[in-house]
Amino acid sequence: MNRENIDVIKQNPHENARLAYKLRNANVYISAGGFHFIDYLDPVAEIPSEIDASKLTDEESAYIETQLQANLKKFQNQADIIKRHLALNDSKILDIGCGGGLFLSLLAQEHAEVIGIELSDSRAQYAKTKHNLVIDKHPIENDFWQAGYANHFDAATLWDVIEHVNHPFETLKSTANVLKPGGLLLIDTPCRDSFYHQIGEITYRISGGRFPTFLNAMYSSHLFGHKQIFSTAEMRNLFESVGLEVIDLHKFHELSFPYEFYLKKLFKSEIIVRLLLPAVRAFFWLFKIRNKMLAVGRKR
């Protein structure tokens, strides 16, 4: 990426990058430096800052509990990661894109002072009512945070979030601003130099674009969909460009959703999903493919 301005590139994709992949739900562009992104931005400025409690329907609650937060081990692992770097008692921690709030609830049980940012009304309301958390809908770039919480937090987390935001450089710069000197930023996100993305690129090229496999599950121009997938080198450069010293950066294996979720995205057929599910479960029991990256930075 060579420290190119990725936010500027995303604002003018047709001028600054070439179209590389035409997928089911997105067009993926590649900049001159190799940055992969789609040409869609969420209308974040139009999202009201007040939480609309009526959006938390029984169907939404069921989705949060049976899909979004189905992998309890994932959230426990996230809590363990932050505990390796920070004593939780009385620490001020901000979780950006906190979803249903399960991760923050684990930290609150160990007496951390936690706040969550969540732009989805249903998820924000669920986190407030289910876990009794303080949740706000102002994006981290907003003056609400930048003026009111500068140099405030001991740690901030973006678990499975940076791939969703419109302008990742601005998001990380704003996040770094609300950290105390020496404060920590922790991110996990899908990794472009991983098996899934690389196989997707190969099958796309071989099939002339007819069979993108994993790429279809990695990018989406839907609201809050995946807008970019970083490589580990790009993530290191991004951290350093906003004044963070990288203290940990490695790839690991984790699936955020149940296997059925990904199979349905790939094949759109209940019959095929049922047929493949036992083999997929056996495959991941045998092979732990490192599909994501963890990045931890300290504010200088």
Protein backbone atom coordinates (compact mmCIF):
# COMPACT_ATOMS: atom_id res chain seq x y z
CA MET A 1 0.00 0.00 0.00
CA ASN A 2 3.01 2.29 0.51
CA ARG A 3 1.07 4.57 2.88
CA GLU A 4 -1.18 5.79 0.06
CA ASN A 5 -4.21 7.79 1.16
CA ILE A 6 -6.84 5.06 1.13
CA ASP A 7 -9.67 7.41 2.12
CA VAL A 8 -9.01 9.63 -0.90
CA ILE A 9 -8.77 6.59 -3.15
CA LYS A 10 -12.16 5.33 -1.96
CA GLN A 11 -13.80 8.69 -2.62
CA ASN A 12 -12.70 8.57 -6.27
CA PRO A 13 -12.45 4.85 -7.10
CA HIS A 14 -12.86 5.19 -10.86
CA GLU A 15 -9.95 7.66 -11.04
CA ASN A 16 -7.59 6.04 -8.55
CA ALA A 17 -8.00 2.30 -9.07
CA ARG A 18 -8.88 -0.41 -11.56
CA LEU A 19 -11.93 -2.64 -11.46
CA ALA A 20 -10.68 -6.12 -10.57
CA TYR A 21 -13.67 -8.30 -9.61
CA LYS A 22 -17.36 -8.12 -10.49
CA LEU A 23 -19.05 -10.06 -7.70
CA ARG A 24 -22.63 -10.95 -6.81
CA ASN A 25 -23.04 -8.05 -4.39
CA ALA A 26 -20.13 -5.71 -5.13
CA ASN A 27 -17.51 -4.47 -7.57
CA VAL A 28 -14.00 -4.71 -6.13
CA TYR A 29 -11.33 -2.20 -7.11
CA ILE A 30 -7.57 -2.38 -6.62
CA SER A 31 -5.47 0.76 -6.17
CA ALA A 32 -2.01 1.22 -7.63
CA GLY A 33 -0.57 0.17 -4.26
CA GLY A 34 -2.68 -3.01 -4.09
CA PHE A 35 -5.45 -1.88 -1.70
CA HIS A 36 -8.72 -3.84 -2.32
CA PHE A 37 -12.06 -2.07 -1.80
CA ILE A 38 -15.59 -1.66 -3.18
CA ASP A 39 -17.22 1.47 -4.64
CA TYR A 40 -20.00 1.83 -2.07
CA LEU A 41 -20.18 4.05 1.03
CA ASP A 42 -22.79 3.79 3.78
CA PRO A 43 -24.95 6.91 4.36
CA VAL A 44 -23.60 7.27 7.90
CA ALA A 45 -24.34 11.01 8.07
CA GLU A 46 -28.04 10.24 7.64
CA ILE A 47 -28.22 7.85 10.61
CA PRO A 48 -29.93 9.47 13.65
CA SER A 49 -27.91 9.48 16.86
CA GLU A 50 -30.89 8.39 18.97
CA ILE A 51 -31.55 4.66 19.40
CA ASP A 52 -34.89 3.58 17.93
CA ALA A 53 -35.98 0.88 20.39
CA SER A 54 -38.80 -0.27 18.09
CA LYS A 55 -36.22 -1.80 15.73
CA LEU A 56 -35.47 -4.56 18.26
CA THR A 57 -38.06 -7.09 17.13
CA ASP A 58 -38.30 -10.71 18.22
CA GLU A 59 -36.76 -11.67 14.87
CA GLU A 60 -33.81 -9.32 15.41
CA SER A 61 -33.26 -10.62 18.95
CA ALA A 62 -33.26 -14.18 17.64
CA TYR A 63 -30.69 -13.26 14.97
CA ILE A 64 -28.39 -11.65 17.53
CA GLU A 65 -28.61 -14.64 19.86
CA THR A 66 -28.50 -17.49 17.33
CA GLN A 67 -26.20 -15.99 14.68
CA LEU A 68 -24.33 -12.81 15.63
CA GLN A 69 -23.41 -13.97 19.13
CA ALA A 70 -23.65 -17.72 18.62
CA ASN A 71 -19.90 -18.25 18.92
CA LEU A 72 -19.39 -17.58 22.66
CA LYS A 73 -15.81 -18.82 22.47
CA LYS A 74 -14.97 -15.99 20.06
CA PHE A 75 -16.03 -13.34 22.57
CA GLN A 76 -14.26 -15.08 25.41
CA ASN A 77 -11.09 -15.19 23.30
CA GLN A 78 -11.42 -11.45 22.65
CA ALA A 79 -11.73 -10.79 26.38
CA ASP A 80 -8.67 -12.96 27.02
CA ILE A 81 -6.68 -11.03 24.41
CA ILE A 82 -7.31 -7.67 26.03
CA LYS A 83 -6.56 -9.12 29.48
CA ARG A 84 -3.11 -10.17 28.26
CA HIS A 85 -2.31 -6.52 27.59
CA LEU A 86 -4.34 -4.64 30.21
CA ALA A 87 -5.61 -5.08 33.75
CA LEU A 88 -9.36 -4.69 33.40
CA ASN A 89 -10.26 -3.40 36.86
CA ASP A 90 -11.30 0.30 36.49
CA SER A 91 -9.87 0.46 32.94
CA LYS A 92 -11.86 2.61 30.51
CA ILE A 93 -12.60 0.61 27.36
CA LEU A 94 -14.48 1.60 24.20
CA ASP A 95 -15.80 -1.08 21.83
CA ILE A 96 -16.54 0.37 18.38
CA GLY A 97 -19.19 -1.64 16.55
CA CYS A 98 -20.13 -3.52 19.70
CA GLY A 99 -23.01 -5.47 18.18
CA GLY A 100 -25.17 -7.12 20.82
CA GLY A 101 -22.72 -6.21 23.59
CA LEU A 102 -21.60 -9.69 24.66
CA PHE A 103 -17.89 -8.80 24.61
CA LEU A 104 -18.42 -5.67 26.71
CA SER A 105 -20.56 -7.58 29.17
CA LEU A 106 -17.64 -9.97 29.79
CA LEU A 107 -15.36 -7.02 30.54
CA ALA A 108 -17.93 -5.34 32.78
CA GLN A 109 -18.10 -8.52 34.87
CA GLU A 110 -14.42 -7.93 35.65
CA HIS A 111 -15.07 -4.30 36.69
CA ALA A 112 -13.91 -2.50 33.57
CA GLU A 113 -15.65 0.79 32.72
CA VAL A 114 -17.09 0.08 29.28
CA ILE A 115 -18.89 2.02 26.56
CA GLY A 116 -20.04 0.76 23.19
CA ILE A 117 -20.63 2.39 19.81
CA GLU A 118 -23.24 0.68 17.66
CA LEU A 119 -24.98 2.23 14.63
CA SER A 120 -27.59 -0.52 14.29
CA ASP A 121 -30.70 0.38 16.31
CA SER A 122 -31.66 -3.22 17.02
CA ARG A 123 -28.20 -4.23 18.21
CA ALA A 124 -27.73 -1.05 20.24
CA GLN A 125 -31.06 -1.56 21.98
CA TYR A 126 -30.30 -5.22 22.61
CA ALA A 127 -26.94 -4.38 24.21
CA LYS A 128 -28.58 -1.73 26.40
CA THR A 129 -31.45 -3.88 27.61
CA LYS A 130 -29.91 -7.36 27.64
CA HIS A 131 -26.54 -6.43 29.16
CA ASN A 132 -27.36 -3.06 30.79
CA LEU A 133 -24.56 -1.31 28.90
CA VAL A 134 -23.94 2.32 27.94
CA ILE A 135 -24.34 2.40 24.15
CA ASP A 136 -24.04 5.40 21.83
CA LYS A 137 -24.79 5.79 18.12
CA HIS A 138 -22.43 8.67 17.31
CA PRO A 139 -19.68 7.40 14.96
CA ILE A 140 -16.18 7.61 16.42
CA GLU A 141 -15.31 10.39 13.95
CA ASN A 142 -18.05 12.62 15.43
CA ASP A 143 -17.19 15.59 17.67
CA PHE A 144 -19.16 13.86 20.43
CA TRP A 145 -16.13 11.58 20.82
CA GLN A 146 -13.34 13.71 19.39
CA ALA A 147 -14.05 16.73 21.59
CA GLY A 148 -15.58 15.02 24.60
CA TYR A 149 -13.34 11.94 24.95
CA ALA A 150 -9.90 12.94 23.65
CA ASN A 151 -7.10 11.03 25.45
CA HIS A 152 -9.72 9.30 27.59
CA PHE A 153 -9.68 5.52 27.07
CA ASP A 154 -7.15 2.92 28.17
CA ALA A 155 -8.15 0.72 25.24
CA ALA A 156 -10.42 0.67 22.20
CA THR A 157 -11.47 -2.35 20.19
CA LEU A 158 -12.79 -2.87 16.67
CA TRP A 159 -13.67 -6.55 16.46
CA ASP A 160 -14.73 -7.42 12.89
CA VAL A 161 -15.38 -3.73 12.19
CA ILE A 162 -12.61 -2.08 10.14
CA GLU A 163 -13.67 -4.03 7.03
CA HIS A 164 -17.12 -2.40 7.30
CA VAL A 165 -16.29 1.31 7.66
CA ASN A 166 -16.37 3.89 4.88
CA HIS A 167 -12.99 5.48 5.59
CA PRO A 168 -10.64 3.22 7.56
CA PHE A 169 -7.82 5.76 7.93
CA GLU A 170 -10.18 8.37 9.40
CA THR A 171 -11.74 5.75 11.68
CA LEU A 172 -8.38 4.65 13.09
CA LYS A 173 -7.08 8.21 13.39
CA SER A 174 -10.22 9.17 15.33
CA THR A 175 -9.90 6.08 17.50
CA ALA A 176 -6.27 6.84 18.30
CA ASN A 177 -7.30 10.34 19.34
CA VAL A 178 -9.59 9.07 22.12
CA LEU A 179 -6.84 6.84 23.57
CA LYS A 180 -4.63 7.93 26.42
CA PRO A 181 -0.88 8.06 25.68
CA GLY A 182 0.14 4.42 25.93
CA GLY A 183 -3.46 3.33 25.31
CA LEU A 184 -4.17 0.23 23.25
CA LEU A 185 -6.04 -0.37 20.01
CA LEU A 186 -7.06 -3.96 19.23
CA ILE A 187 -8.46 -5.05 15.88
CA ASP A 188 -9.40 -8.34 14.31
CA THR A 189 -10.53 -8.51 10.71
CA PRO A 190 -10.52 -10.85 7.70
CA CYS A 191 -7.10 -11.05 6.11
CA ARG A 192 -6.46 -10.67 2.39
CA ASP A 193 -3.22 -12.64 2.44
CA SER A 194 -5.11 -15.69 3.66
CA PHE A 195 -6.30 -18.96 2.14
CA TYR A 196 -9.90 -17.88 1.50
CA HIS A 197 -9.18 -14.64 -0.31
CA GLN A 198 -6.33 -16.13 -2.33
CA ILE A 199 -8.44 -19.12 -3.40
CA GLY A 200 -11.25 -16.74 -4.33
CA GLU A 201 -8.90 -14.75 -6.56
CA ILE A 202 -7.63 -17.93 -8.23
CA THR A 203 -11.08 -19.40 -8.92
CA TYR A 204 -12.29 -16.02 -10.21
CA ARG A 205 -9.44 -15.81 -12.71
CA ILE A 206 -9.65 -19.44 -13.82
CA SER A 207 -13.43 -19.27 -14.35
CA GLY A 208 -13.40 -15.87 -16.01
CA GLY A 209 -15.37 -14.39 -13.12
CA ARG A 210 -18.12 -17.04 -13.07
CA PHE A 211 -16.94 -18.74 -9.85
CA PRO A 212 -15.57 -16.26 -7.29
CA THR A 213 -16.14 -18.71 -4.37
CA PHE A 214 -15.06 -16.99 -1.14
CA LEU A 215 -14.91 -13.49 -2.65
CA ASN A 216 -18.71 -13.37 -2.72
CA ALA A 217 -18.76 -13.83 1.06
CA MET A 218 -16.01 -11.26 1.64
CA TYR A 219 -17.36 -8.14 -0.09
CA SER A 220 -20.82 -6.59 -0.08
CA SER A 221 -22.33 -3.24 -1.13
CA HIS A 222 -25.23 -3.73 1.29
CA LEU A 223 -25.59 -1.42 4.28
CA PHE A 224 -22.69 -2.09 6.72
CA GLY A 225 -21.27 -4.75 4.41
CA HIS A 226 -17.57 -5.52 3.88
CA LYS A 227 -16.04 -2.59 2.01
CA GLN A 228 -12.35 -3.53 2.13
CA ILE A 229 -10.13 -6.43 3.11
CA PHE A 230 -6.63 -5.57 4.33
CA SER A 231 -3.38 -7.48 4.11
CA THR A 232 -1.19 -7.74 7.20
CA ALA A 233 1.35 -5.33 5.68
CA GLU A 234 -1.37 -2.77 4.95
CA MET A 235 -2.66 -3.03 8.51
CA ARG A 236 0.80 -2.41 9.93
CA ASN A 237 1.18 0.67 7.72
CA LEU A 238 -2.26 1.90 8.73
CA PHE A 239 -1.48 1.61 12.44
CA GLU A 240 1.84 3.38 12.07
CA SER A 241 0.29 6.17 9.96
CA VAL A 242 -2.03 7.13 12.85
CA GLY A 243 0.68 7.11 15.50
CA LEU A 244 0.37 3.60 16.87
CA GLU A 245 3.28 1.28 17.61
CA VAL A 246 2.40 -2.24 16.49
CA ILE A 247 3.06 -4.63 19.38
CA ASP A 248 1.30 -7.69 17.94
CA LEU A 249 0.25 -8.63 14.41
CA HIS A 250 -0.49 -12.19 13.39
CA LYS A 251 -2.95 -14.36 11.48
CA PHE A 252 -5.26 -16.85 13.17
CA HIS A 253 -8.28 -19.08 12.54
CA GLU A 254 -11.77 -17.93 13.46
CA LEU A 255 -15.24 -18.00 11.92
CA SER A 256 -17.57 -15.29 13.17
CA PHE A 257 -20.79 -17.09 12.22
CA PRO A 258 -21.97 -20.71 12.14
CA TYR A 259 -20.86 -22.74 9.11
CA GLU A 260 -24.38 -22.67 7.67
CA PHE A 261 -24.19 -18.89 7.33
CA TYR A 262 -21.23 -19.01 4.95
CA LEU A 263 -22.51 -22.00 2.97
CA LYS A 264 -25.80 -20.20 2.30
CA LYS A 265 -23.90 -17.16 1.03
CA LEU A 266 -21.88 -19.34 -1.32
CA PHE A 267 -24.55 -21.68 -2.68
CA LYS A 268 -28.02 -20.17 -1.98
CA SER A 269 -29.48 -23.68 -1.68
CA GLU A 270 -30.73 -25.34 1.52
CA ILE A 271 -30.24 -28.80 0.01
CA ILE A 272 -26.60 -28.17 -0.90
CA VAL A 273 -25.98 -26.63 2.53
CA ARG A 274 -27.37 -29.69 4.32
CA LEU A 275 -25.31 -32.02 2.13
CA LEU A 276 -22.07 -30.12 2.62
CA LEU A 277 -22.39 -29.24 6.31
CA PRO A 278 -21.01 -32.53 7.77
CA ALA A 279 -17.96 -32.40 5.48
CA VAL A 280 -17.33 -28.74 6.30
CA ARG A 281 -17.49 -29.43 10.03
CA ALA A 282 -15.04 -32.30 9.64
CA PHE A 283 -12.70 -30.17 7.51
CA PHE A 284 -12.46 -27.37 10.07
CA TRP A 285 -12.02 -29.88 12.87
CA LEU A 286 -8.93 -31.17 11.05
CA PHE A 287 -7.58 -27.92 9.57
CA LYS A 288 -7.40 -24.56 11.33
CA ILE A 289 -6.90 -22.23 8.37
CA ARG A 290 -5.68 -18.80 9.41
CA ASN A 291 -8.26 -16.57 7.76
CA LYS A 292 -8.14 -13.49 10.03
CA MET A 293 -5.55 -11.18 11.54
CA LEU A 294 -5.18 -9.70 15.01
CA ALA A 295 -3.48 -6.31 15.29
CA VAL A 296 -2.61 -4.63 18.57
CA GLY A 297 -1.13 -1.15 18.70
CA ARG A 298 -0.01 1.21 21.45
CA LYS A 299 -0.43 4.98 21.18
CA ARG A 300 2.92 6.73 21.17
